[in-house]
Amino acid sequence: MIGRSNRFHGRSSIQRLQRGGKSVRSGVLALRFAPNLRRKSYRLAVVVSRKVSKSAVVRNRIRRRIYERVRILSSNFTAPYDLVLVVYDEQIATLSADALDAELHKIIRKAKLTSATPGQHAIVESKE
């Protein structure tokens, strides 16, 4: 799960990004993004509508999975970005971890937010 400092606070930040950010879309995800040079790290919001799933449990599971995968990928971001990921399909909840990683890699590469090459993955350190 991403930390509190990496989440959006308030509606105005998301609205600013919706008005002035760039957008890319893959099959089941859309990404709105804009660089935010006033911050030292990225901020992320994941939007999962009730049209995607009526169940709050499923919508929250989708959010948690995406937050965790983006947290792992964030070490490769080239600058501090504001990101809003919009989910359009419930299949994200049941995708395997590798398939979800591939989908997020695809949309992040399409937006040119990372410095990683296609085969390069972030190294995750365990906190023991």
N, C-alpha and C. Protein backbone atom coordinates (compact mmCIF):
# COMPACT_ATOMS: atom_id res chain seq x y z
N MET A 1 0.84 -1.18 0.00
CA MET A 1 0.00 0.00 0.00
C MET A 1 0.89 1.24 0.00
N ILE A 2 0.49 2.25 -0.71
CA ILE A 2 1.28 3.48 -0.76
C ILE A 2 1.03 4.30 0.49
N GLY A 3 1.98 5.14 0.81
CA GLY A 3 1.88 5.96 2.01
C GLY A 3 0.92 7.12 1.83
N ARG A 4 0.59 7.72 2.94
CA ARG A 4 -0.34 8.85 2.94
C ARG A 4 0.20 10.03 2.12
N SER A 5 1.50 10.21 2.11
CA SER A 5 2.09 11.33 1.37
C SER A 5 1.97 11.15 -0.14
N ASN A 6 1.68 9.94 -0.59
CA ASN A 6 1.56 9.66 -2.02
C ASN A 6 0.11 9.59 -2.50
N ARG A 7 -0.82 10.02 -1.66
CA ARG A 7 -2.23 10.02 -2.06
C ARG A 7 -2.72 11.44 -2.23
N PHE A 8 -3.73 11.59 -3.06
CA PHE A 8 -4.35 12.89 -3.26
C PHE A 8 -5.18 13.25 -2.03
N HIS A 9 -5.20 14.53 -1.71
CA HIS A 9 -6.04 15.02 -0.62
C HIS A 9 -6.90 16.14 -1.18
N GLY A 10 -8.18 15.96 -1.15
CA GLY A 10 -9.08 16.99 -1.62
C GLY A 10 -9.44 16.83 -3.08
N ARG A 11 -10.58 17.33 -3.41
CA ARG A 11 -11.11 17.19 -4.75
C ARG A 11 -10.47 18.15 -5.75
N SER A 12 -9.99 19.30 -5.27
CA SER A 12 -9.46 20.31 -6.18
C SER A 12 -8.20 19.84 -6.90
N SER A 13 -7.38 19.05 -6.25
CA SER A 13 -6.17 18.54 -6.90
C SER A 13 -6.51 17.63 -8.07
N ILE A 14 -7.48 16.78 -7.87
CA ILE A 14 -7.89 15.87 -8.94
C ILE A 14 -8.56 16.65 -10.07
N GLN A 15 -9.35 17.64 -9.73
CA GLN A 15 -10.00 18.45 -10.77
C GLN A 15 -8.97 19.21 -11.59
N ARG A 16 -7.93 19.73 -10.95
CA ARG A 16 -6.86 20.43 -11.68
C ARG A 16 -6.20 19.49 -12.67
N LEU A 17 -5.97 18.27 -12.24
CA LEU A 17 -5.35 17.27 -13.11
C LEU A 17 -6.29 16.88 -14.25
N GLN A 18 -7.57 16.77 -13.99
CA GLN A 18 -8.53 16.43 -15.03
C GLN A 18 -8.59 17.51 -16.10
N ARG A 19 -8.45 18.77 -15.69
CA ARG A 19 -8.51 19.88 -16.65
C ARG A 19 -7.21 20.03 -17.43
N GLY A 20 -6.06 19.90 -16.75
CA GLY A 20 -4.81 20.25 -17.40
C GLY A 20 -3.85 19.13 -17.68
N GLY A 21 -4.19 17.89 -17.33
CA GLY A 21 -3.26 16.79 -17.51
C GLY A 21 -3.38 16.13 -18.86
N LYS A 22 -2.42 15.26 -19.14
CA LYS A 22 -2.46 14.45 -20.36
C LYS A 22 -3.09 13.12 -20.03
N SER A 23 -3.53 12.41 -21.06
CA SER A 23 -4.25 11.17 -20.84
C SER A 23 -3.78 10.09 -21.80
N VAL A 24 -3.67 8.86 -21.30
CA VAL A 24 -3.44 7.69 -22.14
C VAL A 24 -4.43 6.61 -21.69
N ARG A 25 -4.76 5.72 -22.61
CA ARG A 25 -5.73 4.69 -22.29
C ARG A 25 -5.29 3.36 -22.85
N SER A 26 -5.46 2.32 -22.04
CA SER A 26 -5.29 0.95 -22.52
C SER A 26 -6.66 0.31 -22.48
N GLY A 27 -6.74 -0.97 -22.62
CA GLY A 27 -8.03 -1.63 -22.69
C GLY A 27 -8.92 -1.42 -21.48
N VAL A 28 -8.41 -1.62 -20.29
CA VAL A 28 -9.24 -1.57 -19.09
C VAL A 28 -8.87 -0.43 -18.15
N LEU A 29 -7.83 0.33 -18.48
CA LEU A 29 -7.36 1.43 -17.62
C LEU A 29 -7.18 2.71 -18.43
N ALA A 30 -7.33 3.82 -17.75
CA ALA A 30 -6.97 5.12 -18.32
C ALA A 30 -6.10 5.82 -17.29
N LEU A 31 -5.12 6.56 -17.76
CA LEU A 31 -4.20 7.27 -16.87
C LEU A 31 -4.20 8.74 -17.24
N ARG A 32 -4.51 9.59 -16.27
CA ARG A 32 -4.35 11.04 -16.40
C ARG A 32 -3.12 11.39 -15.59
N PHE A 33 -2.25 12.22 -16.15
CA PHE A 33 -1.02 12.55 -15.44
C PHE A 33 -0.55 13.95 -15.79
N ALA A 34 0.22 14.51 -14.87
CA ALA A 34 0.86 15.80 -15.08
C ALA A 34 2.04 15.88 -14.12
N PRO A 35 3.16 16.46 -14.55
CA PRO A 35 4.28 16.63 -13.63
C PRO A 35 3.92 17.64 -12.55
N ASN A 36 4.39 17.40 -11.35
CA ASN A 36 4.15 18.31 -10.24
C ASN A 36 5.50 18.58 -9.58
N LEU A 37 6.18 19.62 -10.03
CA LEU A 37 7.54 19.90 -9.57
C LEU A 37 7.58 20.53 -8.18
N ARG A 38 6.42 20.84 -7.61
CA ARG A 38 6.38 21.36 -6.24
C ARG A 38 6.52 20.25 -5.20
N ARG A 39 6.42 19.01 -5.63
CA ARG A 39 6.52 17.88 -4.71
C ARG A 39 7.79 17.08 -4.97
N LYS A 40 8.15 16.24 -4.02
CA LYS A 40 9.34 15.41 -4.16
C LYS A 40 9.01 14.01 -4.65
N SER A 41 7.76 13.60 -4.53
CA SER A 41 7.37 12.27 -4.99
C SER A 41 6.01 12.33 -5.67
N TYR A 42 5.60 11.22 -6.24
CA TYR A 42 4.35 11.14 -6.98
C TYR A 42 3.15 11.18 -6.04
N ARG A 43 1.98 11.49 -6.59
CA ARG A 43 0.70 11.34 -5.91
C ARG A 43 -0.20 10.52 -6.81
N LEU A 44 -1.00 9.65 -6.21
CA LEU A 44 -1.83 8.73 -6.99
C LEU A 44 -3.24 8.67 -6.44
N ALA A 45 -4.20 8.66 -7.33
CA ALA A 45 -5.60 8.37 -7.00
C ALA A 45 -6.06 7.29 -7.96
N VAL A 46 -6.83 6.34 -7.45
CA VAL A 46 -7.40 5.28 -8.26
C VAL A 46 -8.91 5.44 -8.21
N VAL A 47 -9.54 5.58 -9.36
CA VAL A 47 -10.97 5.79 -9.44
C VAL A 47 -11.61 4.52 -9.98
N VAL A 48 -12.49 3.94 -9.17
CA VAL A 48 -13.22 2.74 -9.57
C VAL A 48 -14.70 3.04 -9.35
N SER A 49 -15.43 3.21 -10.42
CA SER A 49 -16.83 3.59 -10.38
C SER A 49 -17.70 2.43 -9.95
N ARG A 50 -18.91 2.75 -9.50
CA ARG A 50 -19.86 1.70 -9.19
C ARG A 50 -20.35 0.99 -10.44
N LYS A 51 -20.13 1.59 -11.60
CA LYS A 51 -20.45 0.91 -12.85
C LYS A 51 -19.52 -0.28 -13.08
N VAL A 52 -18.32 -0.21 -12.53
CA VAL A 52 -17.36 -1.31 -12.67
C VAL A 52 -17.82 -2.50 -11.84
N SER A 53 -18.18 -2.25 -10.59
CA SER A 53 -18.68 -3.32 -9.73
C SER A 53 -19.60 -2.71 -8.68
N LYS A 54 -20.69 -3.35 -8.43
CA LYS A 54 -21.63 -2.88 -7.41
C LYS A 54 -21.09 -3.12 -6.01
N SER A 55 -20.19 -4.07 -5.88
CA SER A 55 -19.66 -4.46 -4.58
C SER A 55 -18.50 -3.56 -4.15
N ALA A 56 -18.64 -2.93 -2.99
CA ALA A 56 -17.58 -2.09 -2.46
C ALA A 56 -16.33 -2.92 -2.15
N VAL A 57 -16.52 -4.16 -1.78
CA VAL A 57 -15.38 -5.03 -1.48
C VAL A 57 -14.52 -5.21 -2.73
N VAL A 58 -15.14 -5.45 -3.86
CA VAL A 58 -14.41 -5.64 -5.11
C VAL A 58 -13.73 -4.35 -5.53
N ARG A 59 -14.45 -3.22 -5.44
CA ARG A 59 -13.85 -1.93 -5.82
C ARG A 59 -12.64 -1.62 -4.95
N ASN A 60 -12.72 -1.87 -3.66
CA ASN A 60 -11.59 -1.61 -2.77
C ASN A 60 -10.43 -2.57 -3.03
N ARG A 61 -10.73 -3.81 -3.38
CA ARG A 61 -9.67 -4.76 -3.73
C ARG A 61 -8.91 -4.29 -4.96
N ILE A 62 -9.63 -3.78 -5.95
CA ILE A 62 -9.01 -3.25 -7.16
C ILE A 62 -8.09 -2.09 -6.79
N ARG A 63 -8.58 -1.16 -5.96
CA ARG A 63 -7.76 -0.02 -5.54
C ARG A 63 -6.49 -0.46 -4.83
N ARG A 64 -6.63 -1.36 -3.87
CA ARG A 64 -5.46 -1.83 -3.11
C ARG A 64 -4.43 -2.50 -4.01
N ARG A 65 -4.88 -3.32 -4.95
CA ARG A 65 -3.95 -4.01 -5.85
C ARG A 65 -3.19 -3.01 -6.72
N ILE A 66 -3.90 -2.01 -7.23
CA ILE A 66 -3.25 -1.02 -8.09
C ILE A 66 -2.30 -0.14 -7.28
N TYR A 67 -2.72 0.27 -6.08
CA TYR A 67 -1.82 1.07 -5.23
C TYR A 67 -0.50 0.33 -4.98
N GLU A 68 -0.59 -0.94 -4.68
CA GLU A 68 0.62 -1.70 -4.38
C GLU A 68 1.51 -1.84 -5.61
N ARG A 69 0.95 -2.14 -6.76
CA ARG A 69 1.75 -2.30 -7.97
C ARG A 69 2.40 -0.99 -8.39
N VAL A 70 1.69 0.12 -8.27
CA VAL A 70 2.28 1.41 -8.63
C VAL A 70 3.38 1.79 -7.63
N ARG A 71 3.19 1.44 -6.35
CA ARG A 71 4.23 1.71 -5.36
C ARG A 71 5.53 1.01 -5.75
N ILE A 72 5.43 -0.21 -6.24
CA ILE A 72 6.60 -0.96 -6.67
C ILE A 72 7.23 -0.34 -7.91
N LEU A 73 6.40 0.10 -8.85
CA LEU A 73 6.90 0.70 -10.09
C LEU A 73 7.41 2.13 -9.91
N SER A 74 7.04 2.79 -8.84
CA SER A 74 7.32 4.22 -8.68
C SER A 74 8.81 4.55 -8.58
N SER A 75 9.64 3.58 -8.25
CA SER A 75 11.07 3.86 -8.15
C SER A 75 11.67 4.21 -9.51
N ASN A 76 10.97 3.89 -10.59
CA ASN A 76 11.46 4.17 -11.94
C ASN A 76 10.90 5.47 -12.53
N PHE A 77 10.05 6.19 -11.79
CA PHE A 77 9.48 7.43 -12.33
C PHE A 77 10.59 8.45 -12.53
N THR A 78 10.51 9.20 -13.63
CA THR A 78 11.54 10.16 -13.97
C THR A 78 11.37 11.50 -13.27
N ALA A 79 10.17 11.80 -12.78
CA ALA A 79 9.90 13.06 -12.09
C ALA A 79 8.70 12.84 -11.17
N PRO A 80 8.45 13.78 -10.24
CA PRO A 80 7.24 13.64 -9.42
C PRO A 80 6.00 13.97 -10.26
N TYR A 81 5.10 13.03 -10.34
CA TYR A 81 3.90 13.18 -11.15
C TYR A 81 2.66 13.10 -10.26
N ASP A 82 1.61 13.75 -10.71
CA ASP A 82 0.28 13.53 -10.18
C ASP A 82 -0.40 12.56 -11.13
N LEU A 83 -0.94 11.46 -10.60
CA LEU A 83 -1.52 10.40 -11.43
C LEU A 83 -2.93 10.08 -10.97
N VAL A 84 -3.82 9.89 -11.92
CA VAL A 84 -5.16 9.37 -11.63
C VAL A 84 -5.38 8.20 -12.57
N LEU A 85 -5.55 7.03 -11.99
CA LEU A 85 -5.84 5.82 -12.76
C LEU A 85 -7.34 5.54 -12.67
N VAL A 86 -7.98 5.44 -13.81
CA VAL A 86 -9.41 5.15 -13.87
C VAL A 86 -9.58 3.73 -14.39
N VAL A 87 -10.31 2.92 -13.64
CA VAL A 87 -10.53 1.52 -13.99
C VAL A 87 -11.88 1.41 -14.70
N TYR A 88 -11.90 0.66 -15.82
CA TYR A 88 -13.12 0.52 -16.62
C TYR A 88 -13.69 -0.89 -16.64
N ASP A 89 -13.00 -1.85 -16.02
CA ASP A 89 -13.49 -3.22 -16.11
C ASP A 89 -13.20 -3.97 -14.82
N GLU A 90 -14.14 -4.78 -14.40
CA GLU A 90 -14.03 -5.55 -13.16
C GLU A 90 -12.98 -6.66 -13.25
N GLN A 91 -12.55 -7.01 -14.45
CA GLN A 91 -11.58 -8.10 -14.60
C GLN A 91 -10.26 -7.79 -13.90
N ILE A 92 -9.97 -6.54 -13.62
CA ILE A 92 -8.75 -6.17 -12.89
C ILE A 92 -8.70 -6.86 -11.53
N ALA A 93 -9.86 -7.07 -10.90
CA ALA A 93 -9.92 -7.69 -9.58
C ALA A 93 -9.46 -9.13 -9.61
N THR A 94 -9.61 -9.80 -10.75
CA THR A 94 -9.27 -11.22 -10.82
C THR A 94 -8.03 -11.51 -11.65
N LEU A 95 -7.41 -10.49 -12.21
CA LEU A 95 -6.18 -10.70 -12.98
C LEU A 95 -5.07 -11.23 -12.09
N SER A 96 -4.20 -12.02 -12.65
CA SER A 96 -3.04 -12.46 -11.89
C SER A 96 -2.12 -11.27 -11.66
N ALA A 97 -1.22 -11.39 -10.70
CA ALA A 97 -0.31 -10.29 -10.39
C ALA A 97 0.57 -9.95 -11.59
N ASP A 98 1.01 -10.97 -12.32
CA ASP A 98 1.85 -10.72 -13.50
C ASP A 98 1.08 -9.99 -14.60
N ALA A 99 -0.18 -10.38 -14.81
CA ALA A 99 -0.99 -9.73 -15.83
C ALA A 99 -1.29 -8.28 -15.45
N LEU A 100 -1.55 -8.04 -14.17
CA LEU A 100 -1.78 -6.67 -13.71
C LEU A 100 -0.52 -5.83 -13.86
N ASP A 101 0.63 -6.40 -13.51
CA ASP A 101 1.91 -5.70 -13.72
C ASP A 101 2.10 -5.35 -15.19
N ALA A 102 1.80 -6.29 -16.07
CA ALA A 102 1.98 -6.04 -17.50
C ALA A 102 1.06 -4.92 -17.97
N GLU A 103 -0.16 -4.91 -17.50
CA GLU A 103 -1.12 -3.87 -17.90
C GLU A 103 -0.65 -2.49 -17.40
N LEU A 104 -0.18 -2.43 -16.16
CA LEU A 104 0.30 -1.15 -15.62
C LEU A 104 1.60 -0.72 -16.30
N HIS A 105 2.51 -1.67 -16.57
CA HIS A 105 3.74 -1.34 -17.31
C HIS A 105 3.40 -0.75 -18.67
N LYS A 106 2.41 -1.36 -19.34
CA LYS A 106 2.03 -0.92 -20.67
C LYS A 106 1.53 0.52 -20.65
N ILE A 107 0.66 0.83 -19.72
CA ILE A 107 0.08 2.18 -19.70
C ILE A 107 1.09 3.22 -19.22
N ILE A 108 1.97 2.84 -18.31
CA ILE A 108 3.00 3.78 -17.82
C ILE A 108 4.05 4.02 -18.89
N ARG A 109 4.43 2.98 -19.63
CA ARG A 109 5.36 3.17 -20.76
C ARG A 109 4.74 4.03 -21.84
N LYS A 110 3.45 3.81 -22.10
CA LYS A 110 2.75 4.59 -23.12
C LYS A 110 2.76 6.08 -22.75
N ALA A 111 2.67 6.37 -21.46
CA ALA A 111 2.70 7.76 -20.99
C ALA A 111 4.12 8.30 -20.86
N LYS A 112 5.13 7.42 -20.99
CA LYS A 112 6.54 7.78 -20.90
C LYS A 112 6.89 8.42 -19.55
N LEU A 113 6.45 7.76 -18.47
CA LEU A 113 6.70 8.26 -17.12
C LEU A 113 7.92 7.65 -16.46
N THR A 114 8.41 6.52 -16.98
CA THR A 114 9.52 5.83 -16.33
C THR A 114 10.77 5.85 -17.19
N SER A 115 11.86 5.59 -16.50
CA SER A 115 13.13 5.49 -17.19
C SER A 115 13.49 4.03 -17.46
N ALA A 116 12.64 3.10 -17.03
CA ALA A 116 12.92 1.67 -17.17
C ALA A 116 12.70 1.20 -18.60
N THR A 117 13.54 0.29 -19.02
CA THR A 117 13.36 -0.35 -20.31
C THR A 117 12.28 -1.42 -20.17
N PRO A 118 11.69 -1.90 -21.26
CA PRO A 118 10.56 -2.83 -21.17
C PRO A 118 10.82 -4.07 -20.33
N GLY A 119 12.00 -4.64 -20.33
CA GLY A 119 12.25 -5.85 -19.56
C GLY A 119 12.70 -5.60 -18.14
N GLN A 120 12.91 -4.37 -17.76
CA GLN A 120 13.46 -4.03 -16.46
C GLN A 120 12.32 -3.83 -15.45
N HIS A 121 12.46 -4.45 -14.28
CA HIS A 121 11.46 -4.32 -13.23
C HIS A 121 12.13 -3.69 -12.01
N ALA A 122 11.33 -3.04 -11.20
CA ALA A 122 11.84 -2.43 -9.98
C ALA A 122 12.21 -3.53 -8.98
N ILE A 123 13.22 -3.29 -8.19
CA ILE A 123 13.66 -4.22 -7.17
C ILE A 123 12.93 -3.85 -5.87
N VAL A 124 12.29 -4.85 -5.27
CA VAL A 124 11.54 -4.61 -4.04
C VAL A 124 12.35 -5.13 -2.88
N GLU A 125 12.58 -4.28 -1.89
CA GLU A 125 13.33 -4.69 -0.71
C GLU A 125 12.34 -5.02 0.39
N SER A 126 12.57 -6.12 1.09
CA SER A 126 11.69 -6.49 2.18
C SER A 126 12.10 -5.75 3.43
N LYS A 127 11.13 -5.41 4.27
CA LYS A 127 11.37 -4.68 5.52
C LYS A 127 11.33 -5.69 6.65
N GLU A 128 12.46 -6.29 6.95
CA GLU A 128 12.51 -7.29 8.02
C GLU A 128 13.41 -6.84 9.13
